[in-house]
């Protein structure tokens, strides 16, 4: 049985380099305050999968999550399950007024598509910052390739907790032996995207993710990225990228994610 749940939203990135998560920048674009990150919203929507299926979801779960409206720090949200079968469900995340903030299609794959092999893209050092995002920059990255990034899953890493009350997280995502949660897995896609091209502000919008192996504590993760396309819609500029996470120790593919982001918001200077 897949069960819905509710809790208080936490803005996990109020001081992010992406200032859309801070009150000042967000209000300039007409929002009430800093936006709860899309990866955090996604983790809320996918928690029922982890609760119901445990490590099976972390080893072979697929999810398509689409963020449709803002969620703000301190709001009481509700995840509702609309349809479910033995190995799949659809759900929505609702704000206090009943409006939708995000939706998801989730399933366990009996036979996931073959995992990609690591290409060996050069790993960027911590100080590296790509050029300011533009159609020309994305097209250049399509041709020349992107830099990869290295992140360690551990208690000191970003996003070990995505709720104000960590006790509401599934047991296998907490404690000294916690597996990486979906906020971290999807968060790495944000970080590698922002490393390859500078964007501020920008919005994480939609992901298609396939897990291949749960990520144990202290795993060194290498994240590779490939630009698929960039396009304009209703005055916003979008980019689509394919991203793959690998265990640096043996190059095992841990997860793949297709990410869609608005890298230039309508009205930006």
Protein backbone atom coordinates (compact mmCIF):
# COMPACT_ATOMS: atom_id res chain seq x y z
CA UNK A 1 0.00 0.00 0.00
CA UNK A 2 1.37 3.39 -1.02
CA UNK A 3 0.36 6.01 1.53
CA UNK A 4 0.27 9.78 1.32
CA UNK A 5 1.71 11.93 4.07
CA UNK A 6 2.12 15.52 5.20
CA UNK A 7 4.73 17.70 6.88
CA UNK A 8 6.17 21.21 7.06
CA UNK A 9 8.27 22.33 4.08
CA UNK A 10 11.89 23.30 4.63
CA UNK A 11 13.84 25.63 2.36
CA UNK A 12 17.09 23.68 2.25
CA UNK A 13 18.99 26.34 0.26
CA UNK A 14 18.16 29.86 1.53
CA UNK A 15 21.79 30.96 1.06
CA UNK A 16 22.35 29.23 -2.28
CA UNK A 17 24.33 30.85 -5.09
CA UNK A 18 21.04 30.46 -6.96
CA UNK A 19 19.35 33.40 -5.28
CA UNK A 20 15.82 32.36 -6.30
CA UNK A 21 15.90 30.44 -2.99
CA UNK A 22 16.42 33.67 -1.05
CA UNK A 23 13.64 36.11 -0.25
CA UNK A 24 15.16 39.18 -1.91
CA UNK A 25 15.65 37.71 -5.39
CA UNK A 26 12.47 35.64 -5.33
CA UNK A 27 10.34 38.69 -4.51
CA UNK A 28 11.88 40.58 -7.45
CA UNK A 29 10.30 37.92 -9.69
CA UNK A 30 6.91 38.10 -8.04
CA UNK A 31 7.18 35.20 -5.58
CA UNK A 32 6.17 35.49 -1.92
CA UNK A 33 9.62 34.47 -0.74
CA UNK A 34 12.52 32.13 -1.39
CA UNK A 35 11.50 28.98 -3.22
CA UNK A 36 11.85 25.54 -1.63
CA UNK A 37 14.24 23.81 -4.08
CA UNK A 38 12.76 21.56 -6.73
CA UNK A 39 14.95 18.67 -5.55
CA UNK A 40 13.50 19.01 -2.05
CA UNK A 41 9.94 19.07 -3.38
CA UNK A 42 10.80 15.97 -5.43
CA UNK A 43 12.07 14.17 -2.32
CA UNK A 44 8.74 14.89 -0.60
CA UNK A 45 6.83 13.38 -3.51
CA UNK A 46 9.10 10.33 -3.68
CA UNK A 47 9.18 9.57 0.03
CA UNK A 48 6.14 7.24 -0.25
CA UNK A 49 8.15 5.13 -2.71
CA UNK A 50 11.05 4.81 -0.26
CA UNK A 51 8.67 4.08 2.61
CA UNK A 52 6.79 1.38 0.68
CA UNK A 53 9.59 -0.22 -1.35
CA UNK A 54 12.71 0.55 0.67
CA UNK A 55 16.02 -0.15 -1.04
CA UNK A 56 14.17 -1.67 -4.00
CA UNK A 57 13.29 1.88 -5.02
CA UNK A 58 16.86 3.10 -4.52
CA UNK A 59 18.11 0.15 -6.61
CA UNK A 60 15.63 0.21 -9.50
CA UNK A 61 13.02 2.92 -9.07
CA UNK A 62 11.96 5.26 -11.87
CA UNK A 63 10.32 8.65 -11.30
CA UNK A 64 9.08 11.49 -13.45
CA UNK A 65 8.59 14.57 -11.26
CA UNK A 66 7.31 17.92 -12.52
CA UNK A 67 7.35 21.03 -10.35
CA UNK A 68 4.38 23.17 -11.35
CA UNK A 69 4.17 25.95 -8.73
CA UNK A 70 6.19 27.33 -5.80
CA UNK A 71 6.33 25.86 -2.31
CA UNK A 72 7.52 28.10 0.51
CA UNK A 73 9.45 27.50 3.71
CA UNK A 74 7.17 26.64 6.62
CA UNK A 75 4.14 25.72 4.51
CA UNK A 76 2.24 22.60 5.50
CA UNK A 77 2.21 20.40 2.42
CA UNK A 78 0.33 17.21 1.69
CA UNK A 79 1.33 14.39 -0.66
CA UNK A 80 -1.74 12.65 -2.05
CA UNK A 81 -1.69 9.36 -3.94
CA UNK A 82 -4.05 9.47 -6.92
CA UNK A 83 -3.58 6.00 -8.42
CA UNK A 84 -1.56 2.96 -7.43
CA UNK A 85 -0.75 -0.60 -8.42
CA UNK A 86 1.64 -3.13 -6.92
CA UNK A 87 4.71 -1.48 -8.45
CA UNK A 88 3.63 2.02 -9.46
CA UNK A 89 1.74 5.11 -8.34
CA UNK A 90 0.93 8.66 -9.30
CA UNK A 91 0.83 11.46 -6.79
CA UNK A 92 0.66 15.19 -6.23
CA UNK A 93 2.10 17.57 -3.68
CA UNK A 94 -0.50 20.09 -2.49
CA UNK A 95 0.01 23.43 -0.77
CA UNK A 96 -2.15 24.57 2.19
CA UNK A 97 -4.78 26.10 -0.14
CA UNK A 98 -5.13 22.80 -2.02
CA UNK A 99 -3.29 23.98 -5.11
CA UNK A 100 -0.74 21.69 -6.74
CA UNK A 101 2.99 22.36 -6.37
CA UNK A 102 4.26 19.22 -8.13
CA UNK A 103 3.21 15.86 -9.51
CA UNK A 104 4.93 12.53 -10.05
CA UNK A 105 4.69 9.21 -11.87
CA UNK A 106 6.69 6.56 -10.00
CA UNK A 107 7.35 2.88 -10.55
CA UNK A 108 9.65 -0.03 -9.81
CA UNK A 109 11.28 -1.31 -12.96
CA UNK A 110 11.43 -5.08 -13.27
CA UNK A 111 14.08 -4.66 -15.96
CA UNK A 112 15.52 -1.17 -16.15
CA UNK A 113 17.18 0.02 -19.34
CA UNK A 114 20.88 -0.69 -19.52
CA UNK A 115 22.93 1.69 -17.40
CA UNK A 116 25.40 3.91 -19.25
CA UNK A 117 29.15 3.52 -18.91
CA UNK A 118 31.28 6.28 -17.46
CA UNK A 119 32.83 8.41 -20.22
CA UNK A 120 35.70 9.75 -18.16
CA UNK A 121 34.85 13.43 -18.55
CA UNK A 122 37.42 15.72 -16.88
CA UNK A 123 36.49 16.47 -13.27
CA UNK A 124 36.26 20.18 -12.48
CA UNK A 125 38.17 21.51 -9.49
CA UNK A 126 36.25 23.25 -6.75
CA UNK A 127 37.10 26.75 -7.97
CA UNK A 128 36.01 26.19 -11.57
CA UNK A 129 33.01 28.15 -12.87
CA UNK A 130 31.72 27.85 -16.41
CA UNK A 131 30.72 30.80 -18.57
CA UNK A 132 27.39 32.58 -18.17
CA UNK A 133 24.60 30.43 -19.59
CA UNK A 134 23.31 31.30 -23.06
CA UNK A 135 22.17 29.41 -26.16
CA UNK A 136 25.69 29.79 -27.54
CA UNK A 137 27.26 28.33 -24.40
CA UNK A 138 24.89 25.35 -24.35
CA UNK A 139 25.53 24.63 -28.05
CA UNK A 140 29.26 24.84 -27.45
CA UNK A 141 28.95 22.34 -24.59
CA UNK A 142 27.00 20.02 -26.89
CA UNK A 143 30.00 20.00 -29.20
CA UNK A 144 32.92 20.04 -26.79
CA UNK A 145 31.46 18.15 -23.84
CA UNK A 146 31.00 19.12 -20.20
CA UNK A 147 33.09 18.92 -17.05
CA UNK A 148 32.16 16.33 -14.46
CA UNK A 149 31.91 16.89 -10.70
CA UNK A 150 32.76 14.84 -7.62
CA UNK A 151 30.51 14.78 -4.53
CA UNK A 152 30.72 12.67 -1.39
CA UNK A 153 27.59 11.33 0.22
CA UNK A 154 28.05 11.79 3.95
CA UNK A 155 26.61 13.40 7.04
CA UNK A 156 28.44 16.66 6.31
CA UNK A 157 27.20 16.79 2.71
CA UNK A 158 24.34 18.97 1.49
CA UNK A 159 20.82 17.60 1.91
CA UNK A 160 21.29 14.78 4.44
CA UNK A 161 17.99 16.09 5.88
CA UNK A 162 15.22 17.56 3.71
CA UNK A 163 12.61 18.06 6.43
CA UNK A 164 12.53 20.32 9.48
CA UNK A 165 11.73 17.18 11.50
CA UNK A 166 14.17 14.46 10.42
CA UNK A 167 12.16 11.89 12.39
CA UNK A 168 9.59 11.97 9.58
CA UNK A 169 12.13 10.64 7.06
CA UNK A 170 12.29 6.87 6.36
CA UNK A 171 14.72 5.04 8.64
CA UNK A 172 17.02 3.92 5.81
CA UNK A 173 17.63 7.60 4.93
CA UNK A 174 18.73 8.65 8.43
CA UNK A 175 21.52 7.82 10.84
CA UNK A 176 25.14 6.81 10.44
CA UNK A 177 24.37 4.21 7.77
CA UNK A 178 21.89 6.30 5.77
CA UNK A 179 21.58 5.74 2.05
CA UNK A 180 21.58 8.83 -0.15
CA UNK A 181 18.10 10.34 -0.42
CA UNK A 182 16.48 11.60 -3.60
CA UNK A 183 17.11 15.25 -2.67
CA UNK A 184 20.85 14.52 -2.76
CA UNK A 185 20.67 12.37 -5.91
CA UNK A 186 18.70 14.99 -7.80
CA UNK A 187 20.67 17.76 -6.11
CA UNK A 188 23.88 16.59 -7.79
CA UNK A 189 22.23 17.31 -11.14
CA UNK A 190 21.67 20.92 -10.10
CA UNK A 191 25.26 21.29 -8.93
CA UNK A 192 26.88 19.88 -12.06
CA UNK A 193 24.60 21.97 -14.28
CA UNK A 194 25.51 25.14 -12.40
CA UNK A 195 29.22 24.24 -12.55
CA UNK A 196 29.16 24.01 -16.34
CA UNK A 197 27.33 27.32 -16.88
CA UNK A 198 26.71 30.20 -14.51
CA UNK A 199 22.99 30.89 -13.88
CA UNK A 200 21.34 33.22 -11.38
CA UNK A 201 18.45 32.99 -10.85
CA UNK A 202 17.31 29.70 -12.33
CA UNK A 203 14.64 27.07 -11.61
CA UNK A 204 14.81 23.27 -11.42
CA UNK A 205 11.64 22.24 -13.22
CA UNK A 206 11.37 18.58 -14.19
CA UNK A 207 13.27 15.29 -13.88
CA UNK A 208 13.11 11.78 -15.26
CA UNK A 209 15.26 9.61 -12.98
CA UNK A 210 16.23 5.94 -12.98
CA UNK A 211 18.02 4.46 -9.98
CA UNK A 212 20.44 1.57 -10.46
CA UNK A 213 22.05 1.16 -7.02
CA UNK A 214 21.49 2.56 -3.54
CA UNK A 215 24.29 4.91 -2.48
CA UNK A 216 25.81 3.98 0.90
CA UNK A 217 27.35 6.46 3.33
CA UNK A 218 30.77 7.83 2.34
CA UNK A 219 30.43 6.94 -1.34
CA UNK A 220 32.44 9.22 -3.63
CA UNK A 221 30.09 10.03 -6.51
CA UNK A 222 31.24 11.29 -9.93
CA UNK A 223 28.55 13.09 -11.92
CA UNK A 224 28.79 13.42 -15.71
CA UNK A 225 26.57 15.66 -17.83
CA UNK A 226 25.60 15.96 -21.48
CA UNK A 227 23.57 18.85 -22.95
CA UNK A 228 20.62 17.69 -25.05
CA UNK A 229 18.95 20.90 -26.19
CA UNK A 230 18.02 24.46 -25.25
CA UNK A 231 14.88 26.31 -26.28
CA UNK A 232 12.64 29.28 -25.54
CA UNK A 233 9.03 29.07 -24.36
CA UNK A 234 6.80 31.96 -23.24
CA UNK A 235 9.79 34.21 -22.69
CA UNK A 236 11.70 31.72 -20.51
CA UNK A 237 14.90 29.99 -21.70
CA UNK A 238 15.11 26.25 -21.01
CA UNK A 239 17.87 23.65 -21.09
CA UNK A 240 17.58 19.85 -21.08
CA UNK A 241 20.54 17.75 -19.93
CA UNK A 242 21.29 14.07 -19.37
CA UNK A 243 23.20 13.29 -16.18
CA UNK A 244 24.67 10.08 -14.80
CA UNK A 245 26.00 9.34 -11.32
CA UNK A 246 28.84 6.82 -10.85
CA UNK A 247 30.62 5.28 -7.88
CA UNK A 248 34.18 6.55 -8.33
CA UNK A 249 35.56 3.39 -6.75
CA UNK A 250 34.46 1.02 -9.52
CA UNK A 251 32.50 3.15 -12.06
CA UNK A 252 29.20 1.47 -11.18
CA UNK A 253 26.30 3.57 -12.47
CA UNK A 254 24.17 4.63 -9.52
CA UNK A 255 21.47 6.72 -11.19
CA UNK A 256 20.62 8.55 -14.39
CA UNK A 257 18.59 11.75 -14.58
CA UNK A 258 17.24 13.86 -17.38
CA UNK A 259 16.85 17.38 -16.01
CA UNK A 260 14.85 20.28 -17.47
CA UNK A 261 15.57 23.73 -16.03
CA UNK A 262 14.69 27.34 -16.75
CA UNK A 263 18.14 28.89 -16.89
CA UNK A 264 16.96 32.40 -17.82
CA UNK A 265 13.68 33.69 -16.43
CA UNK A 266 11.44 36.03 -18.35
CA UNK A 267 12.28 39.58 -17.28
CA UNK A 268 15.90 38.82 -16.35
CA UNK A 269 18.47 41.46 -17.22
